[in-house]
Every structure is written in structure tokens, then in C-alpha cells.
Amino acid sequence: MKVEDAARTGHGPTVLADRIGRGLLVLAALSTVGAFILGITLARDAPDSRIWVEAWRTSAFLVFAGLFALLAAAPRAHRGVWELVIGQKTALVVFAAVVGDVNEARASGVIDLCLVVVVIAAYVLCRGWDSWRTSAAEPADG
């Protein structure tokens, strides 16, 4: 073990925790790509009154798939991305709970709640808050 590695063992996540967290993010990214593909179908079949909203929502799926992929690739390299993703998804869960039986709110709220749980678990496992450090630690050996 090198001197640099000794300093990292106290700060970075374990290799196993890091892999599990990254795996959760890959799962979130792939699931969101699936939602993007479904969104293309919904946008294509949408009536004129909904086409813009469906296209907007569909493009957001692609953005979130990209954000999840960025976090999976380098979980401690993007300051604020974790917090933005968690905040936005949490806001949607709260909004879905407030509006209740509005069209699509319940199903979308449950999906977003699952994403919040997955992303928070990945945040903890990967120590996402370390992205705010000037030199984020890599996973510790062991």
C-alpha cells in the first residue's frame, strides 16, 4: 500500500460499496433509457394538446439517464449533481402526493419515489458528498 492509498482508506468508500452504488446508478440510467423509449411512443401518439408536454418529458428522461451515467462513471467528480437529482426527484414525489389522483401523478410518484431511494442509497454507498472536497477520494482497498 502506498502512502497516498493510506490517506484514502479513511475517506473514500469501500470498493464493494462503491461498486454497489455505481451499479444502482447504472440500473437507474438503463431504466430511464427505457422510459425515454416509451416516451418516444407516447409523444408520437399524443394528441396535439399534449404533444409538447410529452416531448418535453421524454427529453427529460434522456437528460436524467445522462446524469445517472455521469454519476455512475465518476460519483465523486460532479459537485452538486447528486443534490440536484435528489432534490428534483423528491420535489416530484411531494408534488405527486399533493395532487393525488391527478392523471399519471400516482404512478409517476411511485416511480420517482423508487428513484429517490435508489439514488440516496447510491449517494451513501459512493459517498457522493465527497464531490464537494477539493480532492475526492477513490474507493479504499478491502
Foldseek 3Di string as FASTA:
>chain_A
DDPVLVVQAVAWFAPVLLVLLLVLLLVLLVVLVVVLVVLVVCLVPDDPVCNVVSVVVSVVSNVSSVLSNVCSVPVLADPPSLVVLLVVLVVLLVVLVVVPPPPPSVVSNVVSVVVNVSSVSSCVSGVSVQSPPPDRHDHRYD
